[in-house]
C-alpha atoms as a PDB file:
ATOM      1  CA  MET A   1     113.263 279.399 -31.946  1.00  0.00           C
ATOM      2  CA  TYR A   2     114.252 275.817 -30.987  1.00  0.00           C
ATOM      3  CA  CYS A   3     111.266 275.431 -28.669  1.00  0.00           C
ATOM      4  CA  LEU A   4     108.623 275.331 -31.430  1.00  0.00           C
ATOM      5  CA  PRO A   5     109.855 272.221 -33.345  1.00  0.00           C
ATOM      6  CA  LEU A   6     110.188 270.403 -30.009  1.00  0.00           C
ATOM      7  CA  LYS A   7     106.627 271.392 -29.099  1.00  0.00           C
ATOM      8  CA  ILE A   8     105.360 270.109 -32.461  1.00  0.00           C
ATOM      9  CA  LYS A   9     107.202 266.792 -31.908  1.00  0.00           C
ATOM     10  CA  LEU A  10     105.651 266.483 -28.447  1.00  0.00           C
ATOM     11  CA  ILE A  11     102.170 267.169 -29.843  1.00  0.00           C
ATOM     12  CA  LYS A  12     102.719 264.563 -32.604  1.00  0.00           C
ATOM     13  CA  ALA A  13     103.847 262.043 -29.981  1.00  0.00           C
ATOM     14  CA  GLU A  14     100.817 262.844 -27.832  1.00  0.00           C
ATOM     15  CA  VAL A  15      98.468 262.402 -30.800  1.00  0.00           C
ATOM     16  CA  MET A  16     100.099 259.068 -31.678  1.00  0.00           C
ATOM     17  CA  ILE A  17      99.660 257.890 -28.074  1.00  0.00           C
ATOM     18  CA  HIS A  18      95.973 258.834 -28.141  1.00  0.00           C
ATOM     19  CA  LEU A  19      95.459 257.140 -31.516  1.00  0.00           C
ATOM     20  CA  THR A  20      97.143 253.984 -30.226  1.00  0.00           C
ATOM     21  CA  ILE A  21      94.904 254.004 -27.148  1.00  0.00           C
ATOM     22  CA  ALA A  22      91.841 254.541 -29.359  1.00  0.00           C
ATOM     23  CA  ILE A  23      92.830 251.589 -31.579  1.00  0.00           C
ATOM     24  CA  ILE A  24      93.413 249.357 -28.541  1.00  0.00           C
ATOM     25  CA  ASN A  25      90.020 250.397 -27.159  1.00  0.00           C
ATOM     26  CA  THR A  26      88.368 249.616 -30.499  1.00  0.00           C
ATOM     27  CA  ILE A  27      89.861 246.097 -30.507  1.00  0.00           C
ATOM     28  CA  PHE A  28      88.831 245.695 -26.859  1.00  0.00           C
ATOM     29  CA  ILE A  29      85.259 246.771 -27.652  1.00  0.00           C
ATOM     30  CA  LEU A  30      85.065 244.493 -30.716  1.00  0.00           C
ATOM     31  CA  GLN A  31      86.072 241.557 -28.502  1.00  0.00           C
ATOM     32  CA  PHE A  32      83.285 242.493 -26.096  1.00  0.00           C
ATOM     33  CA  LYS A  33      80.864 242.492 -29.034  1.00  0.00           C
ATOM     34  CA  ILE A  34      81.790 238.865 -29.696  1.00  0.00           C
ATOM     35  CA  TYR A  35      81.579 237.695 -26.074  1.00  0.00           C
ATOM     36  CA  TYR A  36      78.638 239.665 -24.668  1.00  0.00           C
ATOM     37  CA  ASP A  37      75.107 240.740 -25.541  1.00  0.00           C
ATOM     38  CA  PHE A  38      74.561 243.732 -27.810  1.00  0.00           C
ATOM     39  CA  ILE A  39      73.060 245.712 -24.920  1.00  0.00           C
ATOM     40  CA  PHE A  40      76.382 245.483 -23.099  1.00  0.00           C
ATOM     41  CA  PHE A  41      78.252 246.349 -26.301  1.00  0.00           C
ATOM     42  CA  ASP A  42      76.049 249.422 -26.864  1.00  0.00           C
ATOM     43  CA  PHE A  43      77.017 250.661 -23.394  1.00  0.00           C
ATOM     44  CA  PHE A  44      80.721 250.444 -24.307  1.00  0.00           C
ATOM     45  CA  LYS A  45      80.064 251.942 -27.743  1.00  0.00           C
ATOM     46  CA  GLU A  46      78.501 255.001 -26.057  1.00  0.00           C
ATOM     47  CA  LEU A  47      81.646 255.377 -23.942  1.00  0.00           C
ATOM     48  CA  TYR A  48      83.864 254.983 -27.006  1.00  0.00           C
ATOM     49  CA  LEU A  49      82.082 257.770 -28.902  1.00  0.00           C
ATOM     50  CA  ASP A  50      83.417 260.222 -26.286  1.00  0.00           C
ATOM     51  CA  PHE A  51      87.055 259.354 -27.115  1.00  0.00           C
ATOM     52  CA  PRO A  52      87.441 261.651 -30.173  1.00  0.00           C
ATOM     53  CA  LEU A  53      86.225 264.547 -28.003  1.00  0.00           C
ATOM     54  CA  VAL A  54      88.794 263.652 -25.337  1.00  0.00           C
ATOM     55  CA  ILE A  55      91.568 263.569 -27.957  1.00  0.00           C
ATOM     56  CA  VAL A  56      90.559 266.970 -29.399  1.00  0.00           C
ATOM     57  CA  SER A  57      90.329 268.592 -25.960  1.00  0.00           C
ATOM     58  CA  ASN A  58      93.751 267.186 -25.008  1.00  0.00           C
ATOM     59  CA  ILE A  59      95.323 268.581 -28.194  1.00  0.00           C
ATOM     60  CA  CYS A  60      93.719 271.965 -27.473  1.00  0.00           C
ATOM     61  CA  GLN A  61      95.150 271.896 -23.941  1.00  0.00           C
ATOM     62  CA  LEU A  62      98.618 271.109 -25.320  1.00  0.00           C
ATOM     63  CA  LEU A  63      98.410 273.991 -27.797  1.00  0.00           C
ATOM     64  CA  ASN A  64      97.375 276.414 -25.058  1.00  0.00           C
ATOM     65  CA  HIS A  65     100.432 275.647 -22.867  1.00  0.00           C
END
């Protein structure tokens, strides 16, 4: 009974961590856009597009535990 609310709190914490990382990465990438050529930025943008998939798969893994 007490395990479920704890699990939900852990999942919320995990999601917040991933969102924070995603925001930091966005800021990081935007700085690259300013300092480097667009070709270089496009390379990082391609990498960044994979992040939502990583977040979803991590949440799914947490739910399956």
